[in-house]
C-alpha atoms as a PDB file:
ATOM      1  CA  MET A   1     -14.186   2.612  18.500  1.00  0.00           C
ATOM      2  CA  ILE A   2     -11.760   3.979  15.801  1.00  0.00           C
ATOM      3  CA  GLY A   3     -11.404   2.680  12.659  1.00  0.00           C
ATOM      4  CA  ILE A   4     -11.381   4.200   9.104  1.00  0.00           C
ATOM      5  CA  ILE A   5     -14.176   6.999   7.748  1.00  0.00           C
ATOM      6  CA  GLN A   6     -12.473   7.397   4.326  1.00  0.00           C
ATOM      7  CA  TYR A   7     -10.542   5.870   1.734  1.00  0.00           C
ATOM      8  CA  GLY A   8      -8.819   6.862  -1.899  1.00  0.00           C
ATOM      9  CA  ALA A   9      -6.585   5.358  -3.999  1.00  0.00           C
ATOM     10  CA  TYR A  10      -4.631   6.750  -7.201  1.00  0.00           C
ATOM     11  CA  ILE A  11      -2.697   4.079 -10.038  1.00  0.00           C
ATOM     12  CA  PRO A  12      -0.900   6.242 -12.592  1.00  0.00           C
ATOM     13  CA  ARG A  13      -2.198   5.317 -15.988  1.00  0.00           C
ATOM     14  CA  TYR A  14       1.008   4.329 -17.685  1.00  0.00           C
ATOM     15  CA  ARG A  15       1.827   0.851 -17.679  1.00  0.00           C
ATOM     16  CA  ILE A  16       4.504  -1.555 -19.197  1.00  0.00           C
ATOM     17  CA  SER A  17       4.042  -4.842 -20.013  1.00  0.00           C
ATOM     18  CA  THR A  18       6.722  -7.687 -18.251  1.00  0.00           C
ATOM     19  CA  GLN A  19       6.964  -9.206 -21.767  1.00  0.00           C
ATOM     20  CA  GLU A  20       8.390  -5.222 -23.214  1.00  0.00           C
ATOM     21  CA  ILE A  21      10.832  -5.390 -20.538  1.00  0.00           C
ATOM     22  CA  SER A  22      11.545  -9.207 -21.298  1.00  0.00           C
ATOM     23  CA  ARG A  23      11.859  -8.884 -25.109  1.00  0.00           C
ATOM     24  CA  VAL A  24      14.543  -5.730 -24.550  1.00  0.00           C
ATOM     25  CA  TRP A  25      16.813  -7.376 -21.824  1.00  0.00           C
ATOM     26  CA  LYS A  26      16.380 -10.651 -24.329  1.00  0.00           C
ATOM     27  CA  LYS A  27      14.829 -12.568 -21.382  1.00  0.00           C
ATOM     28  CA  SER A  28      12.184 -15.156 -21.565  1.00  0.00           C
ATOM     29  CA  THR A  29       8.965 -13.879 -20.729  1.00  0.00           C
ATOM     30  CA  ARG A  30       6.985 -16.587 -19.971  1.00  0.00           C
ATOM     31  CA  GLU A  31       9.597 -17.768 -17.090  1.00  0.00           C
ATOM     32  CA  VAL A  32       9.504 -14.384 -15.834  1.00  0.00           C
ATOM     33  CA  GLU A  33       5.888 -14.169 -15.118  1.00  0.00           C
ATOM     34  CA  THR A  34       6.128 -17.609 -13.809  1.00  0.00           C
ATOM     35  CA  SER A  35       8.859 -16.553 -11.645  1.00  0.00           C
ATOM     36  CA  LEU A  36       7.223 -13.372 -10.378  1.00  0.00           C
ATOM     37  CA  GLY A  37       3.635 -13.629 -11.670  1.00  0.00           C
ATOM     38  CA  VAL A  38       3.228 -10.084 -12.386  1.00  0.00           C
ATOM     39  CA  LYS A  39       1.949 -10.070 -16.518  1.00  0.00           C
ATOM     40  CA  GLU A  40       2.471  -5.679 -16.321  1.00  0.00           C
ATOM     41  CA  LYS A  41       3.501  -2.667 -14.024  1.00  0.00           C
ATOM     42  CA  SER A  42       2.038   0.809 -13.270  1.00  0.00           C
ATOM     43  CA  ILE A  43       4.580   3.465 -14.117  1.00  0.00           C
ATOM     44  CA  ALA A  44       4.501   7.205 -13.017  1.00  0.00           C
ATOM     45  CA  GLY A  45       4.391  10.044 -15.488  1.00  0.00           C
ATOM     46  CA  ARG A  46       6.723  12.676 -16.091  1.00  0.00           C
ATOM     47  CA  ASP A  47       4.716  15.158 -13.839  1.00  0.00           C
ATOM     48  CA  GLU A  48       4.857  13.072 -11.347  1.00  0.00           C
ATOM     49  CA  ASP A  49       6.577  11.715  -7.538  1.00  0.00           C
ATOM     50  CA  ALA A  50       5.353  10.320  -4.425  1.00  0.00           C
ATOM     51  CA  VAL A  51       3.807  13.947  -3.289  1.00  0.00           C
ATOM     52  CA  THR A  52       1.665  13.952  -6.662  1.00  0.00           C
ATOM     53  CA  LEU A  53       0.239  10.736  -6.048  1.00  0.00           C
ATOM     54  CA  ALA A  54       0.291  11.322  -2.276  1.00  0.00           C
ATOM     55  CA  VAL A  55      -1.921  14.263  -3.373  1.00  0.00           C
ATOM     56  CA  GLU A  56      -4.462  12.524  -5.341  1.00  0.00           C
ATOM     57  CA  ALA A  57      -5.074   9.580  -3.196  1.00  0.00           C
ATOM     58  CA  SER A  58      -5.695  11.962  -0.231  1.00  0.00           C
ATOM     59  CA  LEU A  59      -8.470  14.406  -2.476  1.00  0.00           C
ATOM     60  CA  ARG A  60     -10.286  11.138  -3.061  1.00  0.00           C
ATOM     61  CA  ALA A  61      -9.787   9.687   0.395  1.00  0.00           C
ATOM     62  CA  ILE A  62     -11.295  13.479   2.321  1.00  0.00           C
ATOM     63  CA  GLN A  63     -14.083  14.202   0.103  1.00  0.00           C
ATOM     64  CA  GLY A  64     -16.631  15.558   1.740  1.00  0.00           C
ATOM     65  CA  TYR A  65     -14.990  16.228   4.609  1.00  0.00           C
ATOM     66  CA  ASN A  66     -13.036  19.896   6.502  1.00  0.00           C
ATOM     67  CA  PRO A  67      -9.487  19.213   5.603  1.00  0.00           C
ATOM     68  CA  SER A  68      -8.635  21.506   8.254  1.00  0.00           C
ATOM     69  CA  ASP A  69     -10.093  19.096  10.753  1.00  0.00           C
ATOM     70  CA  ILE A  70      -7.041  16.712   9.977  1.00  0.00           C
ATOM     71  CA  GLU A  71      -5.277  16.514  12.996  1.00  0.00           C
ATOM     72  CA  ALA A  72      -2.421  14.320  11.964  1.00  0.00           C
ATOM     73  CA  ILE A  73      -0.543  13.526   8.559  1.00  0.00           C
ATOM     74  CA  PHE A  74       2.181  10.525   7.895  1.00  0.00           C
ATOM     75  CA  VAL A  75       3.431   9.483   4.460  1.00  0.00           C
ATOM     76  CA  GLY A  76       5.291   6.470   3.937  1.00  0.00           C
ATOM     77  CA  SER A  77       7.589   5.923   0.971  1.00  0.00           C
ATOM     78  CA  GLU A  78      10.351   4.790  -0.356  1.00  0.00           C
ATOM     79  CA  SER A  79      10.203   7.622  -2.442  1.00  0.00           C
ATOM     80  CA  HIS A  80      10.216  10.773  -0.506  1.00  0.00           C
ATOM     81  CA  PRO A  81      11.396  13.556  -3.784  1.00  0.00           C
ATOM     82  CA  TYR A  82      13.160  15.656  -0.793  1.00  0.00           C
ATOM     83  CA  ALA A  83      15.868  14.011   1.799  1.00  0.00           C
ATOM     84  CA  VAL A  84      15.635  17.352   3.817  1.00  0.00           C
ATOM     85  CA  ASN A  85      12.026  18.465   3.205  1.00  0.00           C
ATOM     86  CA  PRO A  86       8.686  16.740   4.444  1.00  0.00           C
ATOM     87  CA  THR A  87       6.810  15.138   1.880  1.00  0.00           C
ATOM     88  CA  ALA A  88       3.387  15.212   4.393  1.00  0.00           C
ATOM     89  CA  THR A  89       3.767  18.947   4.523  1.00  0.00           C
ATOM     90  CA  ILE A  90       3.460  19.667   1.146  1.00  0.00           C
ATOM     91  CA  VAL A  91       0.494  17.182   0.487  1.00  0.00           C
ATOM     92  CA  GLY A  92      -1.164  19.319   3.914  1.00  0.00           C
ATOM     93  CA  GLU A  93      -0.698  22.726   2.214  1.00  0.00           C
ATOM     94  CA  PHE A  94      -2.383  21.361  -1.165  1.00  0.00           C
ATOM     95  CA  LEU A  95      -5.309  19.670   0.600  1.00  0.00           C
ATOM     96  CA  GLY A  96      -6.123  23.176   3.048  1.00  0.00           C
ATOM     97  CA  VAL A  97      -4.806  21.622   6.187  1.00  0.00           C
ATOM     98  CA  GLY A  98      -4.261  24.716   7.768  1.00  0.00           C
ATOM     99  CA  ASN A  99      -1.584  24.758  10.261  1.00  0.00           C
ATOM    100  CA  GLN A 100      -2.754  23.206  13.323  1.00  0.00           C
ATOM    101  CA  TYR A 101      -1.503  19.596  12.754  1.00  0.00           C
ATOM    102  CA  LEU A 102       1.375  16.815  13.071  1.00  0.00           C
ATOM    103  CA  ALA A 103       2.763  16.063   9.953  1.00  0.00           C
ATOM    104  CA  SER A 104       5.918  13.223   9.408  1.00  0.00           C
ATOM    105  CA  ASP A 105       7.237  11.414   6.792  1.00  0.00           C
ATOM    106  CA  LEU A 106       7.597   8.069   7.614  1.00  0.00           C
ATOM    107  CA  GLU A 107      10.446   5.247   6.154  1.00  0.00           C
ATOM    108  CA  PHE A 108      10.610   1.161   6.662  1.00  0.00           C
ATOM    109  CA  ALA A 109      10.634  -0.225   3.120  1.00  0.00           C
ATOM    110  CA  CYS A 110       7.258  -1.238   2.240  1.00  0.00           C
ATOM    111  CA  LYS A 111       5.336  -1.152   5.563  1.00  0.00           C
ATOM    112  CA  ALA A 112       5.696   2.426   6.317  1.00  0.00           C
ATOM    113  CA  GLY A 113       2.108   3.543   4.859  1.00  0.00           C
ATOM    114  CA  THR A 114       0.878   1.128   7.507  1.00  0.00           C
ATOM    115  CA  ALA A 115       3.386   2.516  10.252  1.00  0.00           C
ATOM    116  CA  GLY A 116       1.535   5.590   9.730  1.00  0.00           C
ATOM    117  CA  MET A 117      -1.791   4.334  10.278  1.00  0.00           C
ATOM    118  CA  GLN A 118      -0.984   2.677  13.442  1.00  0.00           C
ATOM    119  CA  ALA A 119       0.780   5.807  14.500  1.00  0.00           C
ATOM    120  CA  THR A 120      -2.500   7.528  13.682  1.00  0.00           C
ATOM    121  CA  ALA A 121      -4.240   4.557  15.436  1.00  0.00           C
ATOM    122  CA  GLY A 122      -2.800   5.620  19.060  1.00  0.00           C
ATOM    123  CA  LEU A 123      -3.008   9.247  18.480  1.00  0.00           C
ATOM    124  CA  LEU A 124      -6.942   8.409  18.050  1.00  0.00           C
ATOM    125  CA  SER A 125      -7.395   5.795  21.190  1.00  0.00           C
ATOM    126  CA  SER A 126      -5.580   8.324  23.118  1.00  0.00           C
ATOM    127  CA  GLY A 127      -7.808  11.212  22.226  1.00  0.00           C
ATOM    128  CA  HIS A 128      -4.947  12.802  21.289  1.00  0.00           C
ATOM    129  CA  ILE A 129      -6.844  13.383  17.758  1.00  0.00           C
ATOM    130  CA  SER A 130     -10.688  12.951  16.485  1.00  0.00           C
ATOM    131  CA  MET A 131      -9.384  12.940  12.522  1.00  0.00           C
ATOM    132  CA  GLY A 132      -5.967  11.710  11.142  1.00  0.00           C
ATOM    133  CA  LEU A 133      -4.533  10.554   7.529  1.00  0.00           C
ATOM    134  CA  ALA A 134      -2.149   8.390   6.239  1.00  0.00           C
ATOM    135  CA  ILE A 135      -1.038   7.489   3.214  1.00  0.00           C
ATOM    136  CA  GLY A 136       1.620   5.250   1.303  1.00  0.00           C
ATOM    137  CA  SER A 137       2.848   6.827  -1.719  1.00  0.00           C
ATOM    138  CA  ASP A 138       5.311   5.529  -3.801  1.00  0.00           C
ATOM    139  CA  THR A 139       7.336   5.888  -7.245  1.00  0.00           C
ATOM    140  CA  ALA A 140       9.722   2.325  -6.604  1.00  0.00           C
ATOM    141  CA  GLN A 141      12.709   2.589  -8.099  1.00  0.00           C
ATOM    142  CA  SER A 142      14.569  -0.411  -9.766  1.00  0.00           C
ATOM    143  CA  ARG A 143      18.003  -1.093 -11.433  1.00  0.00           C
ATOM    144  CA  PRO A 144      17.661  -1.206 -15.575  1.00  0.00           C
ATOM    145  CA  HIS A 145      18.334  -5.240 -15.859  1.00  0.00           C
ATOM    146  CA  ASP A 146      17.143  -5.998 -12.284  1.00  0.00           C
ATOM    147  CA  VAL A 147      14.798  -8.244 -11.089  1.00  0.00           C
ATOM    148  CA  LEU A 148      12.823  -5.940  -9.163  1.00  0.00           C
ATOM    149  CA  GLU A 149      12.432  -4.028 -12.694  1.00  0.00           C
ATOM    150  CA  TYR A 150       9.843  -6.703 -13.237  1.00  0.00           C
ATOM    151  CA  ALA A 151       7.499  -5.276 -10.523  1.00  0.00           C
ATOM    152  CA  SER A 152       8.493  -1.922  -8.886  1.00  0.00           C
ATOM    153  CA  ALA A 153       5.135  -0.026  -9.761  1.00  0.00           C
ATOM    154  CA  ALA A 154       3.832   3.079  -8.682  1.00  0.00           C
ATOM    155  CA  ALA A 155       0.732   4.170  -7.050  1.00  0.00           C
ATOM    156  CA  SER A 156      -0.493   5.982  -3.538  1.00  0.00           C
ATOM    157  CA  VAL A 157      -3.804   4.774  -1.118  1.00  0.00           C
ATOM    158  CA  ALA A 158      -4.184   7.337   1.674  1.00  0.00           C
ATOM    159  CA  VAL A 159      -6.531   6.427   4.399  1.00  0.00           C
ATOM    160  CA  LEU A 160      -8.878   8.909   6.884  1.00  0.00           C
ATOM    161  CA  MET A 161      -9.179   7.606  10.042  1.00  0.00           C
ATOM    162  CA  GLY A 162     -11.211   8.828  12.759  1.00  0.00           C
ATOM    163  CA  ARG A 163     -13.303   8.020  16.260  1.00  0.00           C
ATOM    164  CA  ASP A 164     -16.651   6.211  15.669  1.00  0.00           C
ATOM    165  CA  ASP A 165     -18.272   9.696  18.638  1.00  0.00           C
ATOM    166  CA  ARG A 166     -17.109  12.162  15.799  1.00  0.00           C
ATOM    167  CA  TYR A 167     -17.444  10.962  12.366  1.00  0.00           C
ATOM    168  CA  PRO A 168     -19.211   7.570  10.699  1.00  0.00           C
ATOM    169  CA  LEU A 169     -16.832   5.019  10.338  1.00  0.00           C
ATOM    170  CA  ILE A 170     -17.031   2.708   6.935  1.00  0.00           C
ATOM    171  CA  ALA A 171     -14.450  -0.438   8.483  1.00  0.00           C
ATOM    172  CA  ASN A 172     -13.703  -0.447  12.608  1.00  0.00           C
ATOM    173  CA  LEU A 173      -9.867  -1.541  13.802  1.00  0.00           C
ATOM    174  CA  LEU A 174     -10.631  -4.418  15.573  1.00  0.00           C
ATOM    175  CA  ALA A 175      -6.767  -5.438  16.609  1.00  0.00           C
ATOM    176  CA  TYR A 176      -3.390  -4.586  15.501  1.00  0.00           C
ATOM    177  CA  THR A 177       0.095  -5.332  16.093  1.00  0.00           C
ATOM    178  CA  SER A 178       3.756  -6.185  14.929  1.00  0.00           C
ATOM    179  CA  TYR A 179       6.592  -8.453  13.989  1.00  0.00           C
ATOM    180  CA  SER A 180      10.272  -6.857  13.538  1.00  0.00           C
ATOM    181  CA  SER A 181      14.122  -7.724  13.361  1.00  0.00           C
ATOM    182  CA  ASP A 182      17.215  -6.559  12.115  1.00  0.00           C
ATOM    183  CA  THR A 183      16.877  -8.396   9.256  1.00  0.00           C
ATOM    184  CA  PRO A 184      18.320  -6.129   6.410  1.00  0.00           C
ATOM    185  CA  ASP A 185      16.990  -7.574   2.499  1.00  0.00           C
ATOM    186  CA  PHE A 186      16.712  -4.796   0.752  1.00  0.00           C
ATOM    187  CA  TRP A 187      18.801  -1.368   1.571  1.00  0.00           C
ATOM    188  CA  ARG A 188      19.553   1.616  -0.320  1.00  0.00           C
ATOM    189  CA  ARG A 189      22.414   4.009   1.339  1.00  0.00           C
ATOM    190  CA  GLU A 190      21.736   7.474   1.064  1.00  0.00           C
ATOM    191  CA  SER A 191      22.630   9.700  -2.323  1.00  0.00           C
ATOM    192  CA  ILE A 192      22.280   5.857  -3.949  1.00  0.00           C
ATOM    193  CA  ARG A 193      19.340   5.600  -6.899  1.00  0.00           C
ATOM    194  CA  TYR A 194      19.071   2.561  -6.512  1.00  0.00           C
ATOM    195  CA  PRO A 195      18.124  -0.194  -3.609  1.00  0.00           C
ATOM    196  CA  SER A 196      20.272  -3.404  -3.276  1.00  0.00           C
ATOM    197  CA  HIS A 197      18.747  -6.629  -2.494  1.00  0.00           C
ATOM    198  CA  ALA A 198      19.466  -9.999  -0.731  1.00  0.00           C
ATOM    199  CA  GLY A 199      18.182 -12.069  -3.823  1.00  0.00           C
ATOM    200  CA  ARG A 200      16.638 -15.543  -2.608  1.00  0.00           C
ATOM    201  CA  PHE A 201      17.219 -13.798   1.298  1.00  0.00           C
ATOM    202  CA  THR A 202      14.636 -11.741   0.569  1.00  0.00           C
ATOM    203  CA  GLY A 203      12.416 -15.049   1.112  1.00  0.00           C
ATOM    204  CA  GLU A 204      11.985 -16.972   4.119  1.00  0.00           C
ATOM    205  CA  PRO A 205      14.168 -14.859   6.715  1.00  0.00           C
ATOM    206  CA  ALA A 206      12.506 -12.274   5.658  1.00  0.00           C
ATOM    207  CA  TYR A 207       9.369 -11.303   3.901  1.00  0.00           C
ATOM    208  CA  PHE A 208       7.683 -14.695   5.546  1.00  0.00           C
ATOM    209  CA  ALA A 209       9.126 -15.160   8.786  1.00  0.00           C
ATOM    210  CA  HIS A 210       7.854 -11.653   9.447  1.00  0.00           C
ATOM    211  CA  VAL A 211       4.766 -11.832   7.956  1.00  0.00           C
ATOM    212  CA  LEU A 212       3.264 -15.351   9.164  1.00  0.00           C
ATOM    213  CA  GLY A 213       5.437 -13.799  12.685  1.00  0.00           C
ATOM    214  CA  SER A 214       2.797 -10.980  12.713  1.00  0.00           C
ATOM    215  CA  ALA A 215      -0.299 -12.671  10.960  1.00  0.00           C
ATOM    216  CA  LYS A 216       0.434 -15.433  14.061  1.00  0.00           C
ATOM    217  CA  ARG A 217       0.604 -13.024  16.560  1.00  0.00           C
ATOM    218  CA  LEU A 218      -2.456 -10.853  15.780  1.00  0.00           C
ATOM    219  CA  PHE A 219      -4.509 -14.423  15.705  1.00  0.00           C
ATOM    220  CA  LEU A 220      -3.365 -14.988  19.013  1.00  0.00           C
ATOM    221  CA  LEU A 221      -4.311 -11.151  19.947  1.00  0.00           C
ATOM    222  CA  ALA A 222      -7.758 -11.492  18.567  1.00  0.00           C
ATOM    223  CA  ASN A 223      -8.159 -14.997  19.576  1.00  0.00           C
ATOM    224  CA  ILE A 224      -9.361 -15.979  15.817  1.00  0.00           C
ATOM    225  CA  GLN A 225      -8.264 -18.253  13.343  1.00  0.00           C
ATOM    226  CA  PRO A 226      -8.558 -18.023   9.200  1.00  0.00           C
ATOM    227  CA  SER A 227     -12.015 -19.589   8.541  1.00  0.00           C
ATOM    228  CA  ASP A 228     -13.027 -16.795  11.408  1.00  0.00           C
ATOM    229  CA  VAL A 229     -12.153 -14.101   8.596  1.00  0.00           C
ATOM    230  CA  THR A 230     -13.767 -12.725   5.482  1.00  0.00           C
ATOM    231  CA  TYR A 231     -10.866 -11.695   3.401  1.00  0.00           C
ATOM    232  CA  CYS A 232      -7.147 -11.137   4.070  1.00  0.00           C
ATOM    233  CA  VAL A 233      -4.452  -8.988   2.305  1.00  0.00           C
ATOM    234  CA  PHE A 234      -0.728  -9.251   2.285  1.00  0.00           C
ATOM    235  CA  HIS A 235       2.325  -7.106   0.837  1.00  0.00           C
ATOM    236  CA  MET A 236       2.915  -8.088  -2.859  1.00  0.00           C
ATOM    237  CA  PRO A 237       6.692  -8.374  -3.306  1.00  0.00           C
ATOM    238  CA  ASN A 238       5.459 -10.325  -6.612  1.00  0.00           C
ATOM    239  CA  GLY A 239       2.514 -12.780  -6.829  1.00  0.00           C
ATOM    240  CA  LYS A 240       4.009 -15.601  -5.212  1.00  0.00           C
ATOM    241  CA  PHE A 241       4.707 -14.210  -1.922  1.00  0.00           C
ATOM    242  CA  PRO A 242       1.326 -13.163  -0.860  1.00  0.00           C
ATOM    243  CA  ARG A 243      -0.668 -16.497  -2.012  1.00  0.00           C
ATOM    244  CA  GLU A 244       1.672 -18.218  -0.620  1.00  0.00           C
ATOM    245  CA  ALA A 245       1.389 -17.000   2.547  1.00  0.00           C
ATOM    246  CA  ALA A 246      -2.276 -16.899   2.632  1.00  0.00           C
ATOM    247  CA  LYS A 247      -1.972 -20.653   1.908  1.00  0.00           C
ATOM    248  CA  ARG A 248       0.841 -21.517   4.759  1.00  0.00           C
ATOM    249  CA  LEU A 249      -1.678 -19.847   7.253  1.00  0.00           C
ATOM    250  CA  GLY A 250      -4.649 -21.612   6.030  1.00  0.00           C
ATOM    251  CA  PHE A 251      -6.533 -19.437   4.191  1.00  0.00           C
ATOM    252  CA  ARG A 252      -8.536 -20.149   1.202  1.00  0.00           C
ATOM    253  CA  ASP A 253      -8.315 -18.613  -2.476  1.00  0.00           C
ATOM    254  CA  ASP A 254     -11.312 -16.701  -1.894  1.00  0.00           C
ATOM    255  CA  GLN A 255      -9.861 -15.539   0.940  1.00  0.00           C
ATOM    256  CA  LEU A 256      -7.488 -13.309  -0.987  1.00  0.00           C
ATOM    257  CA  ARG A 257      -8.660 -12.911  -4.509  1.00  0.00           C
ATOM    258  CA  HIS A 258      -9.885  -9.378  -4.423  1.00  0.00           C
ATOM    259  CA  SER A 259      -6.666  -7.928  -3.138  1.00  0.00           C
ATOM    260  CA  LEU A 260      -4.135  -9.592  -5.524  1.00  0.00           C
ATOM    261  CA  THR A 261      -3.334  -6.240  -7.165  1.00  0.00           C
ATOM    262  CA  VAL A 262       0.105  -7.361  -7.902  1.00  0.00           C
ATOM    263  CA  ASP A 263      -0.240  -9.481 -11.018  1.00  0.00           C
ATOM    264  CA  ARG A 264      -1.338  -6.251 -13.036  1.00  0.00           C
ATOM    265  CA  ILE A 265       0.195  -3.526 -12.190  1.00  0.00           C
ATOM    266  CA  GLY A 266       3.080  -4.623 -10.064  1.00  0.00           C
ATOM    267  CA  ASN A 267       4.359  -3.879  -6.500  1.00  0.00           C
ATOM    268  CA  PRO A 268       4.000   0.033  -5.464  1.00  0.00           C
ATOM    269  CA  TYR A 269       6.054  -0.478  -2.315  1.00  0.00           C
ATOM    270  CA  SER A 270       4.619   1.545   0.474  1.00  0.00           C
ATOM    271  CA  ALA A 271       1.264   1.251  -1.667  1.00  0.00           C
ATOM    272  CA  SER A 272       1.071  -2.361  -1.832  1.00  0.00           C
ATOM    273  CA  SER A 273      -0.508  -3.518   0.908  1.00  0.00           C
ATOM    274  CA  LEU A 274      -3.154  -0.523   1.274  1.00  0.00           C
ATOM    275  CA  LEU A 275      -3.801  -1.012  -2.640  1.00  0.00           C
ATOM    276  CA  GLY A 276      -5.053  -4.632  -1.549  1.00  0.00           C
ATOM    277  CA  PHE A 277      -6.823  -3.905   1.062  1.00  0.00           C
ATOM    278  CA  ALA A 278      -8.664  -0.667  -0.826  1.00  0.00           C
ATOM    279  CA  ALA A 279      -9.430  -3.258  -3.640  1.00  0.00           C
ATOM    280  CA  THR A 280     -11.134  -4.881  -1.164  1.00  0.00           C
ATOM    281  CA  LEU A 281     -12.292  -2.976   0.727  1.00  0.00           C
ATOM    282  CA  ASP A 282     -14.471  -1.880  -2.574  1.00  0.00           C
ATOM    283  CA  GLN A 283     -16.121  -5.217  -2.881  1.00  0.00           C
ATOM    284  CA  VAL A 284     -16.843  -5.314   0.867  1.00  0.00           C
ATOM    285  CA  ARG A 285     -20.432  -5.747   2.407  1.00  0.00           C
ATOM    286  CA  PRO A 286     -20.937  -4.680   6.153  1.00  0.00           C
ATOM    287  CA  ARG A 287     -20.244  -6.859   9.402  1.00  0.00           C
ATOM    288  CA  GLU A 288     -17.530  -8.830   6.879  1.00  0.00           C
ATOM    289  CA  THR A 289     -13.650  -8.667   8.290  1.00  0.00           C
ATOM    290  CA  ILE A 290     -10.802  -8.288   6.798  1.00  0.00           C
ATOM    291  CA  MET A 291      -7.190  -9.204   7.936  1.00  0.00           C
ATOM    292  CA  MET A 292      -4.315  -6.568   6.091  1.00  0.00           C
ATOM    293  CA  ILE A 293      -0.741  -8.006   6.692  1.00  0.00           C
ATOM    294  CA  SER A 294       1.973  -5.607   5.536  1.00  0.00           C
ATOM    295  CA  TYR A 295       6.009  -6.303   4.954  1.00  0.00           C
ATOM    296  CA  GLY A 296       9.074  -3.985   5.432  1.00  0.00           C
ATOM    297  CA  SER A 297      12.720  -4.911   4.245  1.00  0.00           C
ATOM    298  CA  GLY A 298      15.101  -4.149   7.115  1.00  0.00           C
ATOM    299  CA  ALA A 299      12.818  -5.774   8.033  1.00  0.00           C
ATOM    300  CA  GLY A 300       9.173  -5.650   9.664  1.00  0.00           C
ATOM    301  CA  SER A 301       5.411  -6.733   9.527  1.00  0.00           C
ATOM    302  CA  ASP A 302       2.536  -4.965  10.914  1.00  0.00           C
ATOM    303  CA  ALA A 303      -0.838  -7.038  10.925  1.00  0.00           C
ATOM    304  CA  PHE A 304      -4.362  -5.509  11.388  1.00  0.00           C
ATOM    305  CA  LEU A 305      -7.870  -6.914  11.432  1.00  0.00           C
ATOM    306  CA  TRP A 306     -10.796  -4.399  10.493  1.00  0.00           C
ATOM    307  CA  GLN A 307     -15.052  -4.962  10.557  1.00  0.00           C
ATOM    308  CA  VAL A 308     -16.786  -3.372   7.912  1.00  0.00           C
ATOM    309  CA  THR A 309     -19.849  -1.253   8.723  1.00  0.00           C
ATOM    310  CA  ASP A 310     -23.380  -0.403   7.675  1.00  0.00           C
ATOM    311  CA  HIS A 311     -21.694   3.062   6.421  1.00  0.00           C
ATOM    312  CA  ILE A 312     -19.925   1.278   3.522  1.00  0.00           C
ATOM    313  CA  ASP A 313     -22.716   1.628   1.693  1.00  0.00           C
ATOM    314  CA  ALA A 314     -23.159   5.197   2.173  1.00  0.00           C
ATOM    315  CA  PHE A 315     -19.978   6.186   1.291  1.00  0.00           C
ATOM    316  CA  ARG A 316     -20.037   3.777  -1.786  1.00  0.00           C
ATOM    317  CA  ARG A 317     -23.046   5.549  -3.534  1.00  0.00           C
ATOM    318  CA  LYS A 318     -20.908   8.975  -3.255  1.00  0.00           C
ATOM    319  CA  GLN A 319     -17.742   6.823  -4.799  1.00  0.00           C
ATOM    320  CA  ASN A 320     -17.225   7.711  -8.088  1.00  0.00           C
ATOM    321  CA  GLU A 321     -16.425   4.533 -10.319  1.00  0.00           C
ATOM    322  CA  GLN A 322     -13.200   5.602 -11.756  1.00  0.00           C
ATOM    323  CA  GLU A 323     -12.177   6.179  -8.364  1.00  0.00           C
ATOM    324  CA  THR A 324     -12.130   2.432  -7.888  1.00  0.00           C
ATOM    325  CA  VAL A 325      -9.171   0.082  -7.792  1.00  0.00           C
ATOM    326  CA  GLU A 326     -10.279  -2.300 -10.097  1.00  0.00           C
ATOM    327  CA  TRP A 327     -11.399   0.572 -13.079  1.00  0.00           C
ATOM    328  CA  GLN A 328      -8.228   2.475 -12.220  1.00  0.00           C
ATOM    329  CA  ILE A 329      -5.968  -0.977 -13.064  1.00  0.00           C
ATOM    330  CA  ASN A 330      -8.530  -1.530 -16.254  1.00  0.00           C
ATOM    331  CA  HIS A 331      -8.045   1.823 -17.860  1.00  0.00           C
ATOM    332  CA  GLY A 332      -4.249   2.117 -18.263  1.00  0.00           C
ATOM    333  CA  VAL A 333      -1.887   2.905 -21.035  1.00  0.00           C
ATOM    334  CA  THR A 334       0.884   0.681 -21.921  1.00  0.00           C
ATOM    335  CA  VAL A 335       4.188   2.449 -23.580  1.00  0.00           C
ATOM    336  CA  ASP A 336       7.052   0.690 -24.890  1.00  0.00           C
ATOM    337  CA  TYR A 337      10.684   0.545 -23.432  1.00  0.00           C
ATOM    338  CA  VAL A 338      12.426   3.859 -24.514  1.00  0.00           C
ATOM    339  CA  SER A 339       9.142   5.521 -23.430  1.00  0.00           C
ATOM    340  CA  TYR A 340       9.400   3.587 -19.748  1.00  0.00           C
ATOM    341  CA  LEU A 341      12.617   5.301 -19.347  1.00  0.00           C
ATOM    342  CA  GLN A 342      12.010   8.495 -20.445  1.00  0.00           C
ATOM    343  CA  LEU A 343       8.656   8.577 -17.690  1.00  0.00           C
ATOM    344  CA  THR A 344      10.617   7.164 -14.909  1.00  0.00           C
ATOM    345  CA  ARG A 345      14.047   9.485 -15.757  1.00  0.00           C
ATOM    346  CA  ASN A 346      15.725   6.663 -16.710  1.00  0.00           C
ATOM    347  CA  ILE A 347      17.241   8.981 -19.135  1.00  0.00           C
END
């Protein structure tokens, strides 16, 4: 059996409210919040980027384990600091992994982190490695005065994965699958600073077609239905899409509730579904199941079915409360728009 050994999440402390962004652009806060379902978003500090966020999350994920046992590192991001120079090797260097490991950067919009989890799962299943680290990390870009500005956030989640014949697993991976097509709903060309998007086209033919497609494929693969799952997690570009996807698939509100981090910290792109997953893992009990479904523009969706083990209790006993997703969400520092521009290097 393969699965998760430990995980770590990192959310930068700075926040800007939807109300403050709306004030600057003379928009109705109520209309924006109603449309997007986001009240506040997280912002990386001036000395933070996708690498530093990834290191913070990874240090939390590998606590108690020897970094040199890590045999693969995959970092998924839309905001790798270098066009030519891997994020994964920088992370490996800071963690002290050594030299005998596979390092790779992945890009697939907001599902690059879960693509890393699938790659790690494949290496573990084949017996090629015994431990791997998959990371989703982003300081999301958005053009000022674009609708993306209200939700594009910053966060990172690292998932340490392994085999149960070598390590105690807190969650077993029962099944996983993907659903992909050439659907260009969101894009950014080389040397272009901000992404472009196809507006409402990003909904039905993009997000919903792929998320529902991968979810239904997983239902068939694992021979389950929504009522068999304890909790569900979806990619969260805004507050409306994951709720609508859950409803269309037949999930109840209580199955989704732990994962909805988007309402309070926005959409950290490659870390979005992983952050909802981490928030849910913070709350689950042994033998409960989690269905996690990511989405990346361009377009594709990865779906996973996990079952929590008794080892989750031991992990919680050594986990610092300040490392939980809920604690980090609740302990942000709100800034004004000028400070936001300075922090995000827009001025």
